[in-house]
């Protein structure tokens, strides 16, 4: 496996150092994440779920309607959605009328309510999660959340500002080139190997997972 400096050099060779630096995003601090209202986590989950497999621009354009239809994603209110509400929402032209995704709003509100009950706020839970076990957080989202597996959960965490990597095809191609995996990592063994690689590069560079993920993506054709 190449060192971080070697991979960074490959990225610079492709995009130039200015191009690499301009492309980087940075995670929020733990203090900033802890200060986020829990309704914003539900809103981000919902946006990522509805954008999955759909036109992102359409969802973005309709987003004020989503905020209105789900009452600003108030956690308590969304957790109490019932069959009459679902019947109304699947006919609401302000939102994308996809029944299972609408139901996921209620299910994820219940999930976040549980985190808030156990940790004070859901934000406090996300802020305190150890970066060196990011894949554990992905597994938790997949198991405890609704429709938050795969790239959906990864994009949710990225948009929330949590230090994260996204296993895009380019990132996976770099991981394959480094001999870490042979394909998109889905097994526990492969996910552990990926986390170990990111942890090593993080230790070598002092950079965030978010930055490393982007540098890996642009280091390969």
Protein backbone atom coordinates (compact mmCIF):
# COMPACT_ATOMS: atom_id res chain seq x y z
CA UNK A 1 0.00 0.00 0.00
CA UNK A 2 1.37 3.41 -0.95
CA UNK A 3 1.94 6.02 1.71
CA UNK A 4 -0.32 9.03 1.83
CA UNK A 5 2.44 11.25 0.40
CA UNK A 6 2.78 8.94 -2.61
CA UNK A 7 -0.97 9.00 -3.26
CA UNK A 8 -1.05 12.76 -2.80
CA UNK A 9 1.71 13.04 -5.40
CA UNK A 10 -0.40 11.03 -7.84
CA UNK A 11 -3.33 13.39 -7.26
CA UNK A 12 -1.11 16.43 -7.80
CA UNK A 13 0.26 14.90 -10.99
CA UNK A 14 -3.30 14.62 -12.33
CA UNK A 15 -4.84 17.90 -11.12
CA UNK A 16 -1.98 20.12 -9.97
CA UNK A 17 -1.58 21.11 -6.33
CA UNK A 18 -3.93 24.08 -6.62
CA UNK A 19 -6.53 21.84 -8.23
CA UNK A 20 -6.23 19.30 -5.43
CA UNK A 21 -6.47 21.89 -2.67
CA UNK A 22 -9.43 23.66 -4.29
CA UNK A 23 -11.35 20.39 -4.51
CA UNK A 24 -11.05 19.54 -0.82
CA UNK A 25 -13.92 19.76 1.65
CA UNK A 26 -13.49 19.80 5.39
CA UNK A 27 -15.62 18.25 8.14
CA UNK A 28 -17.29 20.26 10.86
CA UNK A 29 -15.79 20.28 14.32
CA UNK A 30 -17.33 18.07 16.98
CA UNK A 31 -18.60 21.23 18.70
CA UNK A 32 -20.37 22.33 15.51
CA UNK A 33 -21.93 18.89 15.02
CA UNK A 34 -23.11 18.73 18.64
CA UNK A 35 -24.80 22.12 18.21
CA UNK A 36 -26.91 21.02 15.23
CA UNK A 37 -30.63 20.64 16.00
CA UNK A 38 -31.78 17.03 15.73
CA UNK A 39 -34.43 17.99 13.16
CA UNK A 40 -31.62 18.88 10.75
CA UNK A 41 -30.28 15.34 10.95
CA UNK A 42 -33.73 14.00 10.05
CA UNK A 43 -33.98 16.52 7.22
CA UNK A 44 -30.60 15.46 5.83
CA UNK A 45 -31.45 11.77 6.12
CA UNK A 46 -34.69 12.41 4.26
CA UNK A 47 -33.06 14.44 1.51
CA UNK A 48 -30.42 11.76 0.89
CA UNK A 49 -33.04 9.02 0.86
CA UNK A 50 -35.25 10.82 -1.65
CA UNK A 51 -32.28 11.78 -3.83
CA UNK A 52 -31.11 8.17 -3.99
CA UNK A 53 -31.94 6.81 -7.44
CA UNK A 54 -33.73 10.04 -8.33
CA UNK A 55 -32.89 13.41 -9.85
CA UNK A 56 -31.11 15.38 -7.12
CA UNK A 57 -32.08 18.72 -8.67
CA UNK A 58 -35.78 17.85 -8.58
CA UNK A 59 -35.61 17.01 -4.87
CA UNK A 60 -33.64 20.19 -4.17
CA UNK A 61 -36.20 22.31 -6.03
CA UNK A 62 -39.05 20.69 -4.09
CA UNK A 63 -37.31 20.93 -0.72
CA UNK A 64 -39.37 23.82 0.70
CA UNK A 65 -42.40 21.61 0.12
CA UNK A 66 -40.75 18.75 2.00
CA UNK A 67 -40.02 21.05 4.94
CA UNK A 68 -43.64 22.17 5.02
CA UNK A 69 -45.14 18.69 4.54
CA UNK A 70 -43.06 17.23 7.38
CA UNK A 71 -43.49 20.22 9.72
CA UNK A 72 -39.84 21.25 9.65
CA UNK A 73 -38.86 17.64 10.42
CA UNK A 74 -39.83 18.03 14.05
CA UNK A 75 -38.61 14.74 15.52
CA UNK A 76 -41.48 14.13 17.94
CA UNK A 77 -44.12 14.99 15.37
CA UNK A 78 -42.57 12.88 12.60
CA UNK A 79 -42.11 9.93 14.95
CA UNK A 80 -45.87 9.96 15.57
CA UNK A 81 -46.92 9.83 11.90
CA UNK A 82 -49.68 7.26 11.41
CA UNK A 83 -51.61 5.64 8.58
CA UNK A 84 -53.86 8.64 8.04
CA UNK A 85 -50.77 10.87 7.70
CA UNK A 86 -49.16 8.46 5.24
CA UNK A 87 -52.34 8.42 3.18
CA UNK A 88 -52.27 12.19 3.02
CA UNK A 89 -48.54 12.42 2.26
CA UNK A 90 -48.56 9.97 -0.66
CA UNK A 91 -50.99 12.38 -2.35
CA UNK A 92 -49.10 15.56 -1.40
CA UNK A 93 -47.84 17.20 -4.60
CA UNK A 94 -45.31 19.26 -2.66
CA UNK A 95 -43.10 16.18 -2.22
CA UNK A 96 -41.96 13.15 -4.19
CA UNK A 97 -44.80 10.68 -3.60
CA UNK A 98 -42.83 7.51 -2.85
CA UNK A 99 -44.56 5.53 -0.12
CA UNK A 100 -41.62 3.55 1.33
CA UNK A 101 -39.40 6.65 1.43
CA UNK A 102 -42.16 8.66 3.12
CA UNK A 103 -42.50 5.94 5.75
CA UNK A 104 -38.72 6.08 6.28
CA UNK A 105 -39.15 9.62 7.63
CA UNK A 106 -41.22 8.26 10.51
CA UNK A 107 -38.88 5.32 11.07
CA UNK A 108 -35.79 7.54 11.15
CA UNK A 109 -37.52 9.98 13.50
CA UNK A 110 -38.00 7.04 15.90
CA UNK A 111 -34.33 6.09 15.42
CA UNK A 112 -33.15 9.62 16.20
CA UNK A 113 -35.50 9.83 19.18
CA UNK A 114 -33.80 6.76 20.61
CA UNK A 115 -30.37 8.31 20.15
CA UNK A 116 -31.57 11.50 21.85
CA UNK A 117 -33.01 9.51 24.74
CA UNK A 118 -29.73 7.69 25.29
CA UNK A 119 -27.27 10.52 24.60
CA UNK A 120 -29.13 13.74 25.37
CA UNK A 121 -29.43 14.62 21.69
CA UNK A 122 -28.86 12.73 18.47
CA UNK A 123 -26.33 15.43 17.62
CA UNK A 124 -24.32 14.56 20.74
CA UNK A 125 -24.23 10.94 19.63
CA UNK A 126 -22.92 11.77 16.15
CA UNK A 127 -20.42 14.29 17.54
CA UNK A 128 -18.92 11.74 19.92
CA UNK A 129 -18.58 8.83 17.50
CA UNK A 130 -14.90 7.84 17.08
CA UNK A 131 -13.52 8.70 13.65
CA UNK A 132 -11.30 5.64 13.65
CA UNK A 133 -14.43 3.46 13.57
CA UNK A 134 -16.37 5.29 10.87
CA UNK A 135 -17.41 1.99 9.27
CA UNK A 136 -19.06 1.07 12.56
CA UNK A 137 -21.25 4.15 12.24
CA UNK A 138 -22.17 3.15 8.70
CA UNK A 139 -23.16 -0.30 9.96
CA UNK A 140 -25.28 1.25 12.70
CA UNK A 141 -27.12 3.45 10.21
CA UNK A 142 -27.82 0.45 8.02
CA UNK A 143 -29.06 -1.72 10.88
CA UNK A 144 -30.92 0.80 13.04
CA UNK A 145 -31.96 3.44 10.51
CA UNK A 146 -34.32 3.12 7.58
CA UNK A 147 -32.99 3.11 4.01
CA UNK A 148 -29.61 4.43 5.23
CA UNK A 149 -27.36 1.68 3.93
CA UNK A 150 -24.76 1.98 1.18
CA UNK A 151 -24.04 5.36 -0.36
CA UNK A 152 -27.16 6.92 1.17
CA UNK A 153 -25.76 6.69 4.67
CA UNK A 154 -22.35 7.86 3.49
CA UNK A 155 -23.77 10.96 1.82
CA UNK A 156 -25.93 11.72 4.85
CA UNK A 157 -22.86 11.75 7.10
CA UNK A 158 -20.88 13.84 4.62
CA UNK A 159 -23.63 16.44 4.26
CA UNK A 160 -24.00 16.55 8.04
CA UNK A 161 -20.34 17.57 8.20
CA UNK A 162 -19.23 14.43 10.00
CA UNK A 163 -15.69 13.32 9.17
CA UNK A 164 -16.28 10.61 6.59
CA UNK A 165 -15.19 8.86 3.45
CA UNK A 166 -17.45 8.04 0.53
CA UNK A 167 -16.81 4.81 -1.32
CA UNK A 168 -17.35 6.25 -4.79
CA UNK A 169 -16.14 4.22 -7.73
CA UNK A 170 -12.96 6.34 -7.92
CA UNK A 171 -12.17 5.79 -4.24
CA UNK A 172 -12.85 2.06 -4.59
CA UNK A 173 -10.58 1.94 -7.65
CA UNK A 174 -7.75 3.47 -5.62
CA UNK A 175 -8.35 0.99 -2.78
CA UNK A 176 -8.23 -1.84 -5.32
CA UNK A 177 -5.01 -0.44 -6.80
CA UNK A 178 -3.51 -0.41 -3.29
CA UNK A 179 -4.47 -4.05 -2.78
CA UNK A 180 -6.87 -3.29 0.07
CA UNK A 181 -9.96 -4.80 -1.57
CA UNK A 182 -10.84 -6.59 -4.78
CA UNK A 183 -14.22 -4.94 -5.31
CA UNK A 184 -16.70 -2.61 -3.64
CA UNK A 185 -16.27 -3.44 0.07
CA UNK A 186 -19.41 -5.05 1.48
CA UNK A 187 -18.08 -7.73 3.83
CA UNK A 188 -17.05 -7.00 7.41
CA UNK A 189 -13.50 -8.07 6.53
CA UNK A 190 -13.23 -5.65 3.61
CA UNK A 191 -14.77 -2.79 5.57
CA UNK A 192 -12.27 -3.36 8.37
CA UNK A 193 -9.42 -3.31 5.85
CA UNK A 194 -10.67 -0.05 4.36
CA UNK A 195 -10.97 1.58 7.77
CA UNK A 196 -7.45 0.44 8.65
CA UNK A 197 -6.11 1.97 5.44
CA UNK A 198 -7.83 5.29 6.07
CA UNK A 199 -6.64 5.30 9.67
CA UNK A 200 -3.07 4.76 8.50
CA UNK A 201 -3.26 7.55 5.92
CA UNK A 202 -4.87 9.79 8.53
CA UNK A 203 -1.97 9.13 10.89
CA UNK A 204 0.59 9.81 8.16
CA UNK A 205 -0.99 13.04 6.94
CA UNK A 206 -2.92 14.57 9.83
CA UNK A 207 -5.75 15.10 7.36
CA UNK A 208 -9.41 14.24 7.88
CA UNK A 209 -11.16 11.23 6.36
CA UNK A 210 -13.13 13.71 4.27
CA UNK A 211 -9.99 15.17 2.72
CA UNK A 212 -8.29 11.80 2.25
CA UNK A 213 -11.38 10.43 0.51
CA UNK A 214 -11.30 13.24 -2.04
CA UNK A 215 -7.56 12.92 -2.61
CA UNK A 216 -7.93 9.21 -3.25
CA UNK A 217 -10.73 9.90 -5.73
CA UNK A 218 -8.66 12.30 -7.84
CA UNK A 219 -5.47 10.24 -7.67
CA UNK A 220 -6.72 7.69 -10.18
CA UNK A 221 -8.11 7.73 -13.73
